[in-house]
Amino acid sequence: MFPENKNRPGTVSKLKHNQPREFMKIIAMKKISLIILCFCLIILFPLLASANDVTLVPSLRISGEYDDNVFFNSTDEVDDYLTIISPGLTFDYATELLNLQSLIVVDFLRYFDETELDTENQRYDLNGRYQLASKWNIAGNFSYIKDTTLESELEETGIVHLREDRKRYNAGGGLSYQMTELTDLNFNYTHTATRYDSEDNVDYDYDNFSLLCNRKLKNQLDVLTVRTNYSIFDSDEEKTNNYELLFGWFHKFSETLDLNASAGPRYTRQNFNDDREDEDSWGTTVDISLNKRGETSSATIGYSRRIWNNADGDLVETDRIYARAKQRIIGRLGVGFVAGLYFTSQEDDSDNDDTRYYILNPSLYYMLTENHSIELAYSYQNELEESRPKDLESERNRIWIAFHFNFPRNW
């Protein structure tokens, strides 16, 4: 499905900085990162100084891992050991009018043999909501993720690419109006910029506009939703306009069990920047989840269908079935489980084949204290292109032990 690197499996190819357009993209992204960081500092420091309704949680995660296929290749598999040290910080601030949450995590990855893969992954999130008036609320969010295509992108899409560095910038906002005690109206906008370090991948921008109306029924157990979405995928390869009309239903079975579902038709128009003919298609967008929460357990099962732009610049549709569970067994000992099954198909009429990907991730944890724990976990990943012989499917086994430390402070 994806070509192997001719020099060595998964070797990262870098951008040619003498290409003016790519160089300007890098400069622009660095400016956005600096603006987001300055915004976080401007907001957070005055709030910390006032010391009102503040929760600050510094954290540290230290793990040792064995990975038997660090590039997730179907041939020429390379195994290695690595150490990951992840300092982090979460921040919450709440008043009657204002609510802020932020997250900063940096992962320092160090490999024993494949030292060229040593890197620092980063994640920054800032979300806020402010009540303008009795019926009006405004919200905003900023985020930045720097990792590889075998991490957050693989989790989102189930599409396996060569291991490449990726940066994603996200900013958005929304306005909500409480029309009546049971009905509210919301408008939201999100802009996402995805940039790859490899010149073989296709950078793209994504803009989404949505209008949402929620109607709570008098039984206080059901909420009905109507949402319209308009989104634009824009890259050097193509420009895609997508229109969706979604109908949703939230039902509360009990204090600990609820169902959240939405589905509806979509219309997609692809305009290519080469000699290919423009294409349009009809499809569906679906998102269903059943959620269970308890004092010592939690579980979610769900199904979703949506379209994405992948790292090759192609529009694809992914069906995803997933499950997450966590259960305290006895005392401080507990187990966890995460699973996902993805089926991906390409939207245009090219010769690329459909793929199937799944992941299984059981874990065992022990609470040393209320805020400190140790975890032993295993992950199995498997990807297969339909036209590829079964003996060429990509497999990956990982096992790790991790120590988690949280140091919460409240004012």
Protein backbone atom coordinates (compact mmCIF):
# COMPACT_ATOMS: atom_id res chain seq x y z
CA MET A 1 0.00 0.00 0.00
CA PHE A 2 2.75 2.46 0.98
CA PRO A 3 6.18 2.24 -0.66
CA GLU A 4 9.14 1.19 1.45
CA ASN A 5 12.09 3.57 1.72
CA LYS A 6 14.88 2.37 -0.55
CA ASN A 7 17.67 3.24 1.86
CA ARG A 8 16.45 1.84 5.16
CA PRO A 9 13.01 1.01 6.59
CA GLY A 10 11.11 4.06 7.67
CA THR A 11 14.01 6.52 7.29
CA VAL A 12 12.67 10.04 7.63
CA SER A 13 13.27 12.22 4.61
CA LYS A 14 13.54 15.94 5.30
CA LEU A 15 12.14 18.95 3.51
CA LYS A 16 14.33 20.71 1.02
CA HIS A 17 14.64 24.12 2.63
CA ASN A 18 15.53 25.72 -0.66
CA GLN A 19 11.91 25.34 -1.73
CA PRO A 20 10.45 28.79 -0.96
CA ARG A 21 6.87 27.63 -0.43
CA GLU A 22 7.79 24.92 2.07
CA PHE A 23 10.17 27.29 3.85
CA MET A 24 7.40 29.89 4.26
CA LYS A 25 5.07 27.19 5.65
CA ILE A 26 7.65 26.31 8.31
CA ILE A 27 8.10 29.98 9.28
CA ALA A 28 4.32 30.46 9.47
CA MET A 29 3.84 27.40 11.67
CA LYS A 30 6.59 28.51 14.04
CA LYS A 31 4.89 31.89 14.36
CA ILE A 32 1.58 30.18 15.19
CA SER A 33 3.32 28.07 17.85
CA LEU A 34 4.85 31.17 19.42
CA ILE A 35 1.50 32.99 19.42
CA ILE A 36 -0.23 30.04 21.12
CA LEU A 37 2.53 29.80 23.76
CA CYS A 38 2.38 33.54 24.49
CA PHE A 39 -1.42 33.37 24.74
CA CYS A 40 -1.13 30.55 27.30
CA LEU A 41 1.37 32.49 29.39
CA ILE A 42 -0.67 35.70 29.30
CA ILE A 43 -3.77 33.84 30.47
CA LEU A 44 -2.22 31.51 33.05
CA PHE A 45 0.13 33.71 35.02
CA PRO A 46 -2.42 36.32 36.17
CA LEU A 47 -4.78 33.51 37.18
CA LEU A 48 -2.08 31.76 39.18
CA ALA A 49 -1.23 35.05 40.85
CA SER A 50 -4.84 35.54 41.93
CA ALA A 51 -4.88 31.97 43.31
CA ASN A 52 -8.65 31.56 43.12
CA ASP A 53 -10.27 28.19 42.23
CA VAL A 54 -7.07 26.87 40.70
CA THR A 55 -6.05 23.22 40.31
CA LEU A 56 -2.48 22.61 39.14
CA VAL A 57 -1.24 19.05 38.55
CA PRO A 58 2.42 18.55 37.61
CA SER A 59 3.03 14.97 36.46
CA LEU A 60 5.83 12.65 35.42
CA ARG A 61 5.71 9.39 33.47
CA ILE A 62 8.79 7.16 33.11
CA SER A 63 8.58 4.03 30.97
CA GLY A 64 10.82 1.35 29.48
CA GLU A 65 9.56 -0.34 26.30
CA TYR A 66 10.43 -3.11 23.85
CA ASP A 67 9.16 -2.65 20.26
CA ASP A 68 9.66 -5.48 17.74
CA ASN A 69 8.81 -3.35 14.65
CA VAL A 70 9.58 0.32 15.31
CA PHE A 71 8.85 1.33 11.68
CA PHE A 72 5.69 -0.84 11.37
CA ASN A 73 6.94 -2.36 8.10
CA SER A 74 5.74 -5.59 6.52
CA THR A 75 9.34 -6.52 5.65
CA ASP A 76 12.78 -5.71 7.08
CA GLU A 77 11.41 -5.42 10.61
CA VAL A 78 13.64 -3.61 13.10
CA ASP A 79 13.29 -4.10 16.86
CA ASP A 80 14.64 -1.92 19.65
CA TYR A 81 14.35 -0.88 23.28
CA LEU A 82 13.51 2.66 24.26
CA THR A 83 13.06 4.86 27.29
CA ILE A 84 10.35 7.52 27.45
CA ILE A 85 10.33 10.32 30.03
CA SER A 86 7.19 12.48 29.95
CA PRO A 87 6.87 15.52 32.21
CA GLY A 88 3.46 17.16 32.07
CA LEU A 89 1.26 19.84 33.55
CA THR A 90 -2.52 20.23 33.69
CA PHE A 91 -4.23 23.42 34.82
CA ASP A 92 -7.87 24.10 35.68
CA TYR A 93 -9.40 27.43 36.65
CA ALA A 94 -13.10 27.93 37.33
CA THR A 95 -15.36 30.75 38.46
CA GLU A 96 -19.06 31.39 37.97
CA LEU A 97 -18.34 33.00 34.57
CA LEU A 98 -15.03 31.60 33.37
CA ASN A 99 -13.68 28.07 32.97
CA LEU A 100 -10.20 27.24 31.66
CA GLN A 101 -8.37 23.94 31.15
CA SER A 102 -4.88 23.48 29.77
CA LEU A 103 -2.47 20.62 29.20
CA ILE A 104 1.26 20.51 28.45
CA VAL A 105 3.06 17.19 27.86
CA VAL A 106 6.52 16.57 26.39
CA ASP A 107 7.74 13.02 25.64
CA PHE A 108 11.51 12.49 25.49
CA LEU A 109 12.07 9.29 23.47
CA ARG A 110 15.52 7.68 23.52
CA TYR A 111 16.29 4.47 21.58
CA PHE A 112 19.08 2.02 22.41
CA ASP A 113 20.15 1.21 18.81
CA GLU A 114 18.06 3.33 16.39
CA THR A 115 19.35 6.58 17.87
CA GLU A 116 18.36 8.54 14.74
CA LEU A 117 14.77 8.12 15.97
CA ASP A 118 15.46 9.97 19.24
CA THR A 119 12.95 12.80 19.44
CA GLU A 120 10.74 14.93 21.65
CA ASN A 121 7.01 14.65 21.06
CA GLN A 122 4.91 17.56 22.28
CA ARG A 123 1.30 18.33 23.05
CA TYR A 124 -0.20 21.66 24.16
CA ASP A 125 -3.92 22.26 24.74
CA LEU A 126 -5.84 25.28 25.98
CA ASN A 127 -9.64 25.34 26.23
CA GLY A 128 -11.83 28.05 27.69
CA ARG A 129 -15.45 29.03 28.12
CA TYR A 130 -16.85 32.37 29.28
CA GLN A 131 -20.44 33.36 30.04
CA LEU A 132 -21.08 36.66 28.28
CA ALA A 133 -24.62 37.05 29.58
CA SER A 134 -27.34 34.95 31.17
CA LYS A 135 -28.07 33.18 27.87
CA TRP A 136 -24.84 33.66 25.92
CA ASN A 137 -21.57 31.71 26.16
CA ILE A 138 -18.37 31.97 24.15
CA ALA A 139 -15.69 29.27 23.88
CA GLY A 140 -12.25 28.91 22.34
CA ASN A 141 -9.52 26.33 21.97
CA PHE A 142 -5.91 26.11 20.81
CA SER A 143 -3.75 23.00 20.44
CA TYR A 144 -0.46 21.84 18.97
CA ILE A 145 0.73 18.26 18.51
CA LYS A 146 4.17 17.21 17.29
CA ASP A 147 4.66 13.45 16.90
CA THR A 148 4.92 10.84 14.12
CA THR A 149 2.37 9.31 11.77
CA LEU A 150 2.53 6.08 13.81
CA GLU A 151 1.07 7.75 16.88
CA SER A 152 -1.91 10.13 17.05
CA GLU A 153 -2.62 10.00 13.29
CA LEU A 154 -2.71 6.20 13.33
CA GLU A 155 -5.07 6.27 16.31
CA GLU A 156 -7.39 8.72 14.53
CA THR A 157 -7.50 7.17 11.07
CA GLY A 158 -6.21 3.58 11.24
CA ILE A 159 -4.06 4.35 8.18
CA VAL A 160 -0.49 3.03 8.32
CA HIS A 161 2.18 5.15 6.63
CA LEU A 162 5.94 5.15 6.76
CA ARG A 163 7.09 6.63 10.03
CA GLU A 164 7.29 10.39 9.43
CA ASP A 165 7.31 13.41 11.72
CA ARG A 166 4.04 15.36 11.77
CA LYS A 167 2.91 18.65 13.27
CA ARG A 168 -0.72 19.62 13.75
CA TYR A 169 -2.01 23.08 14.71
CA ASN A 170 -5.60 23.58 15.75
CA ALA A 171 -7.58 26.68 16.70
CA GLY A 172 -11.29 27.29 16.99
CA GLY A 173 -14.13 28.98 18.77
CA GLY A 174 -17.84 28.87 19.31
CA LEU A 175 -20.85 30.87 20.41
CA SER A 176 -23.90 29.36 22.14
CA TYR A 177 -27.30 30.81 22.96
CA GLN A 178 -29.82 29.35 25.43
CA MET A 179 -33.07 29.98 23.56
CA THR A 180 -35.31 28.41 26.21
CA GLU A 181 -34.85 26.25 29.29
CA LEU A 182 -34.85 23.17 27.03
CA THR A 183 -33.35 24.45 23.76
CA ASP A 184 -29.93 25.86 22.88
CA LEU A 185 -28.27 26.93 19.64
CA ASN A 186 -24.51 26.68 18.94
CA PHE A 187 -22.20 27.91 16.19
CA ASN A 188 -18.62 26.56 16.01
CA TYR A 189 -15.61 27.05 13.77
CA THR A 190 -12.37 25.04 13.70
CA HIS A 191 -9.19 25.47 11.66
CA THR A 192 -6.58 22.70 11.52
CA ALA A 193 -3.20 22.82 9.75
CA THR A 194 -1.34 19.51 9.30
CA ARG A 195 2.32 19.64 8.25
CA TYR A 196 4.66 16.72 7.50
CA ASP A 197 8.46 16.84 7.62
CA SER A 198 8.71 14.55 4.60
CA GLU A 199 8.43 16.03 1.11
CA ASP A 200 6.74 12.77 0.04
CA ASN A 201 3.65 13.59 2.11
CA VAL A 202 1.03 16.23 1.37
CA ASP A 203 0.37 19.05 3.83
CA TYR A 204 -3.23 20.19 4.14
CA ASP A 205 -5.55 22.64 5.90
CA TYR A 206 -8.98 21.79 7.24
CA ASP A 207 -11.76 24.29 8.07
CA ASN A 208 -15.06 23.25 9.61
CA PHE A 209 -18.19 25.35 10.23
CA SER A 210 -21.08 23.85 12.19
CA LEU A 211 -24.50 24.97 13.39
CA LEU A 212 -26.04 22.85 16.14
CA CYS A 213 -29.45 22.88 17.83
CA ASN A 214 -30.10 20.81 20.99
CA ARG A 215 -33.58 20.11 22.35
CA LYS A 216 -33.87 18.50 25.80
CA LEU A 217 -37.10 16.56 26.30
CA LYS A 218 -39.23 17.11 29.38
CA ASN A 219 -38.36 13.68 30.79
CA GLN A 220 -34.81 15.08 31.32
CA LEU A 221 -33.42 11.79 29.95
CA ASP A 222 -33.28 12.55 26.22
CA VAL A 223 -31.68 15.25 24.10
CA LEU A 224 -32.40 15.51 20.36
CA THR A 225 -29.92 17.26 18.08
CA VAL A 226 -29.81 18.63 14.55
CA ARG A 227 -26.42 19.69 13.19
CA THR A 228 -25.22 21.01 9.84
CA ASN A 229 -21.51 20.87 8.95
CA TYR A 230 -19.58 22.46 6.13
CA SER A 231 -15.89 21.55 5.86
CA ILE A 232 -13.04 22.22 3.43
CA PHE A 233 -9.93 20.08 2.91
CA ASP A 234 -7.32 22.12 1.03
CA SER A 235 -3.92 20.83 -0.20
CA ASP A 236 -1.63 21.15 -3.19
CA GLU A 237 -3.25 18.02 -4.61
CA GLU A 238 -6.94 18.87 -4.31
CA LYS A 239 -9.64 20.96 -2.66
CA THR A 240 -12.59 19.09 -1.16
CA ASN A 241 -15.91 20.57 -0.03
CA ASN A 242 -18.00 18.42 2.31
CA TYR A 243 -21.59 19.02 3.44
CA GLU A 244 -23.29 17.07 6.25
CA LEU A 245 -26.71 17.03 7.90
CA LEU A 246 -26.65 15.03 11.14
CA PHE A 247 -29.43 13.99 13.50
CA GLY A 248 -28.45 13.08 17.05
CA TRP A 249 -29.93 11.45 20.14
CA PHE A 250 -28.54 11.36 23.66
CA HIS A 251 -30.30 9.06 26.14
CA LYS A 252 -29.54 8.61 29.81
CA PHE A 253 -30.46 5.09 30.90
CA SER A 254 -29.26 5.70 34.46
CA GLU A 255 -26.82 7.82 36.42
CA THR A 256 -23.98 5.63 35.17
CA LEU A 257 -25.10 4.52 31.67
CA ASP A 258 -25.83 6.65 28.59
CA LEU A 259 -26.03 6.43 24.80
CA ASN A 260 -24.80 9.15 22.43
CA ALA A 261 -25.57 8.74 18.71
CA SER A 262 -25.59 10.88 15.57
CA ALA A 263 -25.92 10.00 11.88
CA GLY A 264 -26.86 11.60 8.61
CA PRO A 265 -26.09 12.06 4.90
CA ARG A 266 -23.06 13.82 3.44
CA TYR A 267 -22.25 15.21 0.01
CA THR A 268 -18.60 15.58 -1.03
CA ARG A 269 -17.10 17.41 -4.00
CA GLN A 270 -13.41 16.89 -4.93
CA ASN A 271 -11.65 19.43 -7.17
CA PHE A 272 -8.24 18.14 -8.29
CA ASN A 273 -5.29 20.36 -9.18
CA ASP A 274 -3.98 17.96 -11.83
CA ASP A 275 -5.51 16.43 -14.98
CA ARG A 276 -7.97 14.24 -13.06
CA GLU A 277 -11.66 14.97 -13.49
CA ASP A 278 -13.48 16.49 -10.53
CA GLU A 279 -15.62 14.01 -8.60
CA ASP A 280 -18.58 14.08 -6.26
CA SER A 281 -20.01 11.41 -3.98
CA TRP A 282 -22.75 10.77 -1.46
CA GLY A 283 -22.24 8.93 1.79
CA THR A 284 -23.06 8.87 5.49
CA THR A 285 -21.43 10.15 8.66
CA VAL A 286 -22.01 8.14 11.84
CA ASP A 287 -20.88 8.37 15.46
CA ILE A 288 -22.38 6.09 18.15
CA SER A 289 -21.08 5.35 21.65
CA LEU A 290 -22.40 3.58 24.75
CA ASN A 291 -20.76 4.76 27.98
CA LYS A 292 -20.72 3.19 31.44
CA ARG A 293 -19.18 4.82 34.51
CA GLY A 294 -18.84 3.61 38.09
CA GLU A 295 -16.81 4.31 41.21
CA THR A 296 -14.17 1.72 40.31
CA SER A 297 -14.82 1.10 36.62
CA SER A 298 -15.54 2.72 33.27
CA ALA A 299 -16.27 1.36 29.79
CA THR A 300 -17.06 2.67 26.31
CA ILE A 301 -17.93 0.88 23.08
CA GLY A 302 -18.59 2.71 19.85
CA TYR A 303 -18.69 2.92 16.07
CA SER A 304 -17.90 5.83 13.75
CA ARG A 305 -17.74 6.53 10.02
CA ARG A 306 -16.15 9.68 8.64
CA ILE A 307 -13.88 10.98 5.87
CA TRP A 308 -10.28 12.18 6.25
CA ASN A 309 -7.35 13.44 4.21
CA ASN A 310 -4.41 11.08 4.60
CA ALA A 311 -0.68 11.80 4.41
CA ASP A 312 -0.69 11.03 0.65
CA GLY A 313 -3.22 13.81 0.06
CA ASP A 314 -6.05 11.36 -0.73
CA LEU A 315 -9.59 11.54 0.61
CA VAL A 316 -10.49 8.33 2.47
CA GLU A 317 -13.46 7.02 4.42
CA THR A 318 -12.82 5.13 7.67
CA ASP A 319 -15.17 2.82 9.56
CA ARG A 320 -13.98 2.42 13.14
CA ILE A 321 -15.20 0.06 15.87
CA TYR A 322 -13.63 0.65 19.26
CA ALA A 323 -13.81 -0.29 22.93
CA ARG A 324 -12.21 1.00 26.12
CA ALA A 325 -12.55 -0.40 29.65
CA LYS A 326 -10.97 0.02 33.05
CA GLN A 327 -11.82 -1.99 36.15
CA ARG A 328 -10.45 -2.04 39.69
CA ILE A 329 -10.09 -5.73 40.58
CA ILE A 330 -9.21 -5.79 44.23
CA GLY A 331 -7.75 -3.18 46.49
CA ARG A 332 -5.30 -1.07 44.48
CA LEU A 333 -4.97 -3.54 41.59
CA GLY A 334 -6.82 -2.99 38.33
CA VAL A 335 -6.92 -3.87 34.63
CA GLY A 336 -7.49 -1.91 31.46
CA PHE A 337 -8.26 -2.73 27.84
CA VAL A 338 -8.31 -0.74 24.60
CA ALA A 339 -9.22 -2.16 21.18
CA GLY A 340 -9.87 -0.70 17.75
CA LEU A 341 -10.80 -2.12 14.33
CA TYR A 342 -10.56 0.13 11.23
CA PHE A 343 -11.67 -0.38 7.62
CA THR A 344 -10.43 2.32 5.23
CA SER A 345 -11.36 2.90 1.59
CA GLN A 346 -10.37 5.64 -0.84
CA GLU A 347 -13.07 7.98 -2.09
CA ASP A 348 -11.79 8.64 -5.63
CA ASP A 349 -11.48 6.13 -8.47
CA SER A 350 -7.73 5.48 -8.18
CA ASP A 351 -6.22 2.01 -8.01
CA ASN A 352 -5.35 2.17 -4.31
CA ASP A 353 -6.79 -0.72 -2.32
CA ASP A 354 -8.80 -0.85 0.87
CA THR A 355 -7.01 -1.58 4.13
CA ARG A 356 -7.83 -3.16 7.47
CA TYR A 357 -6.09 -2.27 10.72
CA TYR A 358 -6.65 -3.31 14.32
CA ILE A 359 -5.03 -2.82 17.71
CA LEU A 360 -5.36 -4.72 21.01
CA ASN A 361 -3.96 -3.16 24.18
CA PRO A 362 -4.50 -4.92 27.55
CA SER A 363 -2.86 -3.49 30.68
CA LEU A 364 -2.44 -4.13 34.39
CA TYR A 365 -1.96 -1.32 36.91
CA TYR A 366 -1.36 -0.94 40.63
CA MET A 367 -2.06 2.25 42.61
CA LEU A 368 0.98 2.85 44.82
CA THR A 369 -0.81 5.84 46.35
CA GLU A 370 -3.81 7.93 45.35
CA ASN A 371 -1.63 9.86 42.87
CA HIS A 372 1.15 7.39 42.00
CA SER A 373 0.85 4.15 40.03
CA ILE A 374 2.76 1.50 38.10
CA GLU A 375 1.53 -0.03 34.82
CA LEU A 376 2.45 -3.12 32.81
CA ALA A 377 0.99 -3.07 29.28
CA TYR A 378 1.11 -4.88 25.95
CA SER A 379 0.03 -3.72 22.48
CA TYR A 380 -0.51 -5.72 19.30
CA GLN A 381 -1.10 -3.90 15.97
CA ASN A 382 -1.90 -5.46 12.61
CA GLU A 383 -2.43 -3.87 9.17
CA LEU A 384 -3.24 -5.52 5.84
CA GLU A 385 -3.95 -4.16 2.39
CA GLU A 386 -6.58 -6.32 0.65
CA SER A 387 -4.44 -6.98 -2.44
CA ARG A 388 -1.34 -7.84 -0.39
CA PRO A 389 -0.54 -11.50 0.40
CA LYS A 390 -1.38 -12.34 3.98
CA ASP A 391 2.23 -13.19 4.76
CA LEU A 392 3.11 -9.54 4.00
CA GLU A 393 0.78 -8.02 6.57
CA SER A 394 2.40 -5.58 8.98
CA GLU A 395 2.54 -6.68 12.62
CA ARG A 396 3.87 -4.90 15.67
CA ASN A 397 4.26 -6.07 19.27
CA ARG A 398 5.11 -3.69 22.09
CA ILE A 399 5.44 -4.25 25.83
CA TRP A 400 6.27 -1.66 28.46
CA ILE A 401 6.37 -0.89 32.14
CA ALA A 402 5.60 2.64 33.24
CA PHE A 403 5.57 4.66 36.45
CA HIS A 404 3.04 7.52 36.75
CA PHE A 405 3.41 10.31 39.30
CA ASN A 406 0.92 13.15 39.86
CA PHE A 407 1.48 16.06 42.26
CA PRO A 408 -1.84 17.93 42.52
CA ARG A 409 -2.13 21.34 44.15
CA ASN A 410 -5.30 23.30 44.82
CA TRP A 411 -5.93 26.93 45.74
